[in-house]
Protein backbone atom coordinates (compact mmCIF):
# COMPACT_ATOMS: atom_id res chain seq x y z
CA MET A 1 28.47 22.93 1.45
CA LYS A 2 25.53 24.75 -0.05
CA HIS A 3 22.88 22.04 0.19
CA LEU A 4 22.54 20.37 3.56
CA ARG A 5 19.18 18.72 2.88
CA ARG A 6 17.91 16.61 0.06
CA THR A 7 15.25 18.20 -2.09
CA THR A 8 11.69 16.88 -1.90
CA THR A 9 11.40 16.75 -5.68
CA PRO A 10 13.85 14.17 -7.08
CA ASN A 11 14.48 14.57 -10.82
CA GLY A 12 12.28 17.65 -10.88
CA MET A 13 9.10 15.60 -10.33
CA PRO A 14 6.87 16.37 -7.32
CA MET A 15 6.60 13.58 -4.78
CA HIS A 16 3.09 12.11 -4.52
CA ASP A 17 1.24 11.11 -1.38
CA LEU A 18 1.23 7.29 -1.28
CA GLN A 19 -1.92 6.94 0.84
CA LEU A 20 -0.87 3.57 2.23
CA VAL A 21 -3.60 1.70 4.09
CA THR A 22 -2.50 0.69 7.58
CA ILE A 23 -5.73 -0.99 8.68
CA CYS A 24 -6.71 -4.37 7.22
CA ASP A 25 -10.00 -4.18 5.32
CA GLN A 26 -10.88 -7.76 6.30
CA CYS A 27 -10.25 -7.95 10.04
CA GLY A 28 -9.97 -4.25 10.99
CA LYS A 29 -6.62 -4.67 12.78
CA HIS A 30 -3.33 -2.96 11.99
CA ARG A 31 -1.58 -4.69 9.09
CA ALA A 32 1.83 -4.39 10.77
CA HIS A 33 0.70 -6.57 13.69
CA GLY A 34 -0.02 -10.25 13.34
CA ASN A 35 -0.45 -12.62 10.45
CA HIS A 36 -2.74 -11.49 7.63
CA GLN A 37 -2.38 -14.47 5.28
CA GLY A 38 -5.98 -15.51 5.92
CA CYS A 39 -7.14 -11.96 5.20
CA SER A 40 -5.12 -11.95 2.00
CA LYS A 41 -6.72 -15.22 0.83
CA ARG A 42 -10.22 -13.84 1.53
CA ARG A 43 -9.38 -10.59 -0.30
CA GLN A 44 -8.10 -12.57 -3.31
CA ALA A 45 -11.26 -14.70 -3.36
CA ILE A 46 -13.49 -11.61 -3.23
CA ASN A 47 -11.60 -9.79 -6.01
CA GLN A 48 -11.00 -12.83 -8.21
CA HIS A 49 -13.63 -11.68 -10.74
CA LYS A 50 -11.44 -8.64 -11.55
CA TRP A 51 -8.57 -10.81 -12.81
CA VAL A 52 -10.51 -13.36 -14.89
CA GLN A 53 -9.65 -13.18 -18.58
CA PRO A 54 -12.77 -12.76 -20.80
């Protein structure tokens, strides 16, 4: 039993910081609380121009 803990670099690659957003950019509330389907629809409508094929 040499190694009691898992290494923080799986496959020799350093683990990156994910920087997950916990606050909804539309309503300002925590994304883990409540229903954010309306916020998602507004976000999709705002960013729709990014996905349009030229």
